[in-house]
């Protein structure tokens, strides 16, 4: 039997602060989205306009979802995580992970957490470098670069 949760008033959902992602476009302007609300996307010519437009889109997304009785996700910044997850994997990967843990002389759990943390950190650095490259590319458009003095 499906558990029925008590629905909060619409104003509760409208008052939640959802993180947004702002993406500068090569041809100009910005695309902005709310990753926690699937399909909630807008655009604007300036950062200010894009952020204003996504606020309208977020409000409409929440109002329509509420009216239709759809589940409204909490912002990812407010979700609680217990730190426990069940993972199914191919036996060959399980064997490699056990062998890696034995080589490091740590538990399988410690080994997997270390690998996940390392991969997560690498992904975060890549995302930040990519954003920085986009930002620097936008700043450098139309700016002549000095010639190398060799």
C-alpha atoms as a PDB file:
ATOM      1  CA  UNK A   1       0.000   0.000   0.000  1.00  0.00           C
ATOM      2  CA  UNK A   2       1.346   3.417  -1.004  1.00  0.00           C
ATOM      3  CA  UNK A   3       1.999   5.742   1.927  1.00  0.00           C
ATOM      4  CA  UNK A   4       0.061   8.982   1.681  1.00  0.00           C
ATOM      5  CA  UNK A   5       2.031  12.046   2.770  1.00  0.00           C
ATOM      6  CA  UNK A   6       0.440  15.218   4.056  1.00  0.00           C
ATOM      7  CA  UNK A   7       0.691  17.931   1.451  1.00  0.00           C
ATOM      8  CA  UNK A   8       1.931  21.333   2.573  1.00  0.00           C
ATOM      9  CA  UNK A   9       0.316  24.560   1.340  1.00  0.00           C
ATOM     10  CA  UNK A  10       1.457  26.028  -1.983  1.00  0.00           C
ATOM     11  CA  UNK A  11       3.081  28.992  -0.207  1.00  0.00           C
ATOM     12  CA  UNK A  12       5.463  26.565   1.529  1.00  0.00           C
ATOM     13  CA  UNK A  13       6.793  25.319  -1.832  1.00  0.00           C
ATOM     14  CA  UNK A  14       6.904  28.826  -3.298  1.00  0.00           C
ATOM     15  CA  UNK A  15       9.036  29.929  -0.345  1.00  0.00           C
ATOM     16  CA  UNK A  16      11.690  27.235  -0.852  1.00  0.00           C
ATOM     17  CA  UNK A  17      15.034  28.359  -2.251  1.00  0.00           C
ATOM     18  CA  UNK A  18      16.039  26.163  -5.187  1.00  0.00           C
ATOM     19  CA  UNK A  19      19.581  26.385  -6.552  1.00  0.00           C
ATOM     20  CA  UNK A  20      19.855  27.542 -10.169  1.00  0.00           C
ATOM     21  CA  UNK A  21      22.431  26.927 -12.886  1.00  0.00           C
ATOM     22  CA  UNK A  22      23.333  29.843 -15.151  1.00  0.00           C
ATOM     23  CA  UNK A  23      24.926  29.002 -18.500  1.00  0.00           C
ATOM     24  CA  UNK A  24      26.372  31.757 -20.732  1.00  0.00           C
ATOM     25  CA  UNK A  25      25.583  31.093 -24.395  1.00  0.00           C
ATOM     26  CA  UNK A  26      28.196  31.573 -27.155  1.00  0.00           C
ATOM     27  CA  UNK A  27      25.794  33.607 -29.257  1.00  0.00           C
ATOM     28  CA  UNK A  28      24.985  35.836 -26.286  1.00  0.00           C
ATOM     29  CA  UNK A  29      22.528  35.760 -23.455  1.00  0.00           C
ATOM     30  CA  UNK A  30      22.105  33.163 -20.770  1.00  0.00           C
ATOM     31  CA  UNK A  31      20.208  29.946 -20.219  1.00  0.00           C
ATOM     32  CA  UNK A  32      19.191  29.350 -16.630  1.00  0.00           C
ATOM     33  CA  UNK A  33      17.621  26.258 -15.112  1.00  0.00           C
ATOM     34  CA  UNK A  34      16.501  24.788 -11.818  1.00  0.00           C
ATOM     35  CA  UNK A  35      18.035  21.277 -11.777  1.00  0.00           C
ATOM     36  CA  UNK A  36      15.731  20.104  -8.963  1.00  0.00           C
ATOM     37  CA  UNK A  37      12.605  20.927 -11.016  1.00  0.00           C
ATOM     38  CA  UNK A  38      12.777  18.921 -14.273  1.00  0.00           C
ATOM     39  CA  UNK A  39      12.097  21.079 -17.323  1.00  0.00           C
ATOM     40  CA  UNK A  40      12.222  24.362 -15.419  1.00  0.00           C
ATOM     41  CA  UNK A  41      14.347  26.399 -17.853  1.00  0.00           C
ATOM     42  CA  UNK A  42      14.396  29.978 -19.057  1.00  0.00           C
ATOM     43  CA  UNK A  43      16.630  32.425 -20.911  1.00  0.00           C
ATOM     44  CA  UNK A  44      17.601  36.075 -20.723  1.00  0.00           C
ATOM     45  CA  UNK A  45      19.834  38.555 -22.496  1.00  0.00           C
ATOM     46  CA  UNK A  46      21.544  39.590 -19.256  1.00  0.00           C
ATOM     47  CA  UNK A  47      22.269  37.753 -16.011  1.00  0.00           C
ATOM     48  CA  UNK A  48      19.672  39.897 -14.245  1.00  0.00           C
ATOM     49  CA  UNK A  49      17.015  39.195 -16.870  1.00  0.00           C
ATOM     50  CA  UNK A  50      17.777  35.463 -16.888  1.00  0.00           C
ATOM     51  CA  UNK A  51      17.491  35.257 -13.091  1.00  0.00           C
ATOM     52  CA  UNK A  52      14.234  37.227 -13.178  1.00  0.00           C
ATOM     53  CA  UNK A  53      12.838  34.935 -15.881  1.00  0.00           C
ATOM     54  CA  UNK A  54      13.778  31.745 -14.024  1.00  0.00           C
ATOM     55  CA  UNK A  55      12.006  33.057 -10.931  1.00  0.00           C
ATOM     56  CA  UNK A  56       8.797  33.337 -12.978  1.00  0.00           C
ATOM     57  CA  UNK A  57       9.377  29.887 -14.485  1.00  0.00           C
ATOM     58  CA  UNK A  58      10.020  28.374 -11.023  1.00  0.00           C
ATOM     59  CA  UNK A  59       6.819  29.893  -9.643  1.00  0.00           C
ATOM     60  CA  UNK A  60       4.751  28.626 -12.596  1.00  0.00           C
ATOM     61  CA  UNK A  61       6.378  25.162 -12.412  1.00  0.00           C
ATOM     62  CA  UNK A  62       5.472  24.864  -8.721  1.00  0.00           C
ATOM     63  CA  UNK A  63       1.915  26.186  -9.205  1.00  0.00           C
ATOM     64  CA  UNK A  64       1.170  23.770 -12.070  1.00  0.00           C
ATOM     65  CA  UNK A  65       2.689  20.788 -10.250  1.00  0.00           C
ATOM     66  CA  UNK A  66       0.705  21.671  -7.122  1.00  0.00           C
ATOM     67  CA  UNK A  67      -2.572  22.049  -9.033  1.00  0.00           C
ATOM     68  CA  UNK A  68      -2.062  18.671 -10.744  1.00  0.00           C
ATOM     69  CA  UNK A  69      -1.168  16.940  -7.483  1.00  0.00           C
ATOM     70  CA  UNK A  70       2.325  16.093  -8.738  1.00  0.00           C
ATOM     71  CA  UNK A  71       5.118  15.402  -6.289  1.00  0.00           C
ATOM     72  CA  UNK A  72       7.203  18.512  -5.659  1.00  0.00           C
ATOM     73  CA  UNK A  73      10.823  17.728  -4.833  1.00  0.00           C
ATOM     74  CA  UNK A  74      12.609  19.565  -2.064  1.00  0.00           C
ATOM     75  CA  UNK A  75      15.634  21.647  -3.058  1.00  0.00           C
ATOM     76  CA  UNK A  76      18.751  19.479  -3.166  1.00  0.00           C
ATOM     77  CA  UNK A  77      20.310  21.829  -0.614  1.00  0.00           C
ATOM     78  CA  UNK A  78      17.644  20.869   1.954  1.00  0.00           C
ATOM     79  CA  UNK A  79      17.545  17.107   1.497  1.00  0.00           C
ATOM     80  CA  UNK A  80      18.929  14.936   4.240  1.00  0.00           C
ATOM     81  CA  UNK A  81      21.295  12.112   3.415  1.00  0.00           C
ATOM     82  CA  UNK A  82      21.910   9.150   5.703  1.00  0.00           C
ATOM     83  CA  UNK A  83      25.244   8.128   4.212  1.00  0.00           C
ATOM     84  CA  UNK A  84      24.153   4.580   3.465  1.00  0.00           C
ATOM     85  CA  UNK A  85      23.546   3.134   0.023  1.00  0.00           C
ATOM     86  CA  UNK A  86      23.138  -0.373  -1.396  1.00  0.00           C
ATOM     87  CA  UNK A  87      25.112  -0.900  -4.585  1.00  0.00           C
ATOM     88  CA  UNK A  88      24.729  -3.784  -7.011  1.00  0.00           C
ATOM     89  CA  UNK A  89      27.672  -4.420  -9.303  1.00  0.00           C
ATOM     90  CA  UNK A  90      29.084  -7.055 -11.628  1.00  0.00           C
ATOM     91  CA  UNK A  91      31.021  -9.796  -9.813  1.00  0.00           C
ATOM     92  CA  UNK A  92      34.191  -8.861 -11.727  1.00  0.00           C
ATOM     93  CA  UNK A  93      34.067  -5.299 -10.367  1.00  0.00           C
ATOM     94  CA  UNK A  94      33.368  -6.614  -6.869  1.00  0.00           C
ATOM     95  CA  UNK A  95      36.457  -8.820  -7.122  1.00  0.00           C
ATOM     96  CA  UNK A  96      38.651  -5.908  -8.316  1.00  0.00           C
ATOM     97  CA  UNK A  97      37.425  -3.715  -5.479  1.00  0.00           C
ATOM     98  CA  UNK A  98      38.110  -6.418  -2.886  1.00  0.00           C
ATOM     99  CA  UNK A  99      41.587  -6.937  -4.337  1.00  0.00           C
ATOM    100  CA  UNK A 100      42.208  -3.171  -4.221  1.00  0.00           C
ATOM    101  CA  UNK A 101      41.052  -2.990  -0.601  1.00  0.00           C
ATOM    102  CA  UNK A 102      43.332  -5.875   0.334  1.00  0.00           C
ATOM    103  CA  UNK A 103      46.286  -4.219  -1.406  1.00  0.00           C
ATOM    104  CA  UNK A 104      45.610  -0.992   0.534  1.00  0.00           C
ATOM    105  CA  UNK A 105      45.035  -2.982   3.745  1.00  0.00           C
ATOM    106  CA  UNK A 106      41.679  -1.324   4.389  1.00  0.00           C
ATOM    107  CA  UNK A 107      38.101  -2.559   4.495  1.00  0.00           C
ATOM    108  CA  UNK A 108      36.125  -2.816   1.269  1.00  0.00           C
ATOM    109  CA  UNK A 109      33.862  -0.038   2.564  1.00  0.00           C
ATOM    110  CA  UNK A 110      36.805   2.311   3.269  1.00  0.00           C
ATOM    111  CA  UNK A 111      38.327   1.560  -0.118  1.00  0.00           C
ATOM    112  CA  UNK A 112      35.065   2.278  -1.981  1.00  0.00           C
ATOM    113  CA  UNK A 113      34.443   5.510  -0.051  1.00  0.00           C
ATOM    114  CA  UNK A 114      37.989   6.687  -0.840  1.00  0.00           C
ATOM    115  CA  UNK A 115      37.523   5.922  -4.548  1.00  0.00           C
ATOM    116  CA  UNK A 116      34.150   7.678  -4.660  1.00  0.00           C
ATOM    117  CA  UNK A 117      35.486  10.725  -2.808  1.00  0.00           C
ATOM    118  CA  UNK A 118      38.453  10.946  -5.185  1.00  0.00           C
ATOM    119  CA  UNK A 119      36.242  10.683  -8.260  1.00  0.00           C
ATOM    120  CA  UNK A 120      33.796  13.219  -6.865  1.00  0.00           C
ATOM    121  CA  UNK A 121      36.598  15.713  -6.186  1.00  0.00           C
ATOM    122  CA  UNK A 122      37.994  15.259  -9.698  1.00  0.00           C
ATOM    123  CA  UNK A 123      34.538  15.827 -11.215  1.00  0.00           C
ATOM    124  CA  UNK A 124      34.035  18.980  -9.151  1.00  0.00           C
ATOM    125  CA  UNK A 125      37.399  20.391 -10.248  1.00  0.00           C
ATOM    126  CA  UNK A 126      36.558  19.627 -13.895  1.00  0.00           C
ATOM    127  CA  UNK A 127      33.187  21.411 -13.601  1.00  0.00           C
ATOM    128  CA  UNK A 128      34.819  24.441 -12.001  1.00  0.00           C
ATOM    129  CA  UNK A 129      37.574  24.546 -14.640  1.00  0.00           C
ATOM    130  CA  UNK A 130      34.989  24.294 -17.396  1.00  0.00           C
ATOM    131  CA  UNK A 131      32.973  27.168 -15.904  1.00  0.00           C
ATOM    132  CA  UNK A 132      36.144  29.229 -15.527  1.00  0.00           C
ATOM    133  CA  UNK A 133      37.127  28.560 -19.157  1.00  0.00           C
ATOM    134  CA  UNK A 134      33.663  29.665 -20.334  1.00  0.00           C
ATOM    135  CA  UNK A 135      33.885  32.793 -18.206  1.00  0.00           C
ATOM    136  CA  UNK A 136      37.398  33.621 -19.405  1.00  0.00           C
ATOM    137  CA  UNK A 137      36.349  32.954 -22.990  1.00  0.00           C
ATOM    138  CA  UNK A 138      33.530  35.461 -22.672  1.00  0.00           C
ATOM    139  CA  UNK A 139      35.856  38.020 -21.114  1.00  0.00           C
ATOM    140  CA  UNK A 140      38.442  37.483 -23.828  1.00  0.00           C
ATOM    141  CA  UNK A 141      36.052  37.877 -26.780  1.00  0.00           C
ATOM    142  CA  UNK A 142      36.967  40.948 -28.740  1.00  0.00           C
ATOM    143  CA  UNK A 143      40.166  41.492 -26.769  1.00  0.00           C
ATOM    144  CA  UNK A 144      43.353  41.280 -28.799  1.00  0.00           C
ATOM    145  CA  UNK A 145      46.013  39.157 -27.204  1.00  0.00           C
ATOM    146  CA  UNK A 146      49.585  40.474 -27.135  1.00  0.00           C
ATOM    147  CA  UNK A 147      52.063  38.704 -29.336  1.00  0.00           C
ATOM    148  CA  UNK A 148      54.594  36.479 -27.680  1.00  0.00           C
ATOM    149  CA  UNK A 149      57.994  38.097 -27.219  1.00  0.00           C
ATOM    150  CA  UNK A 150      60.526  35.407 -27.960  1.00  0.00           C
END
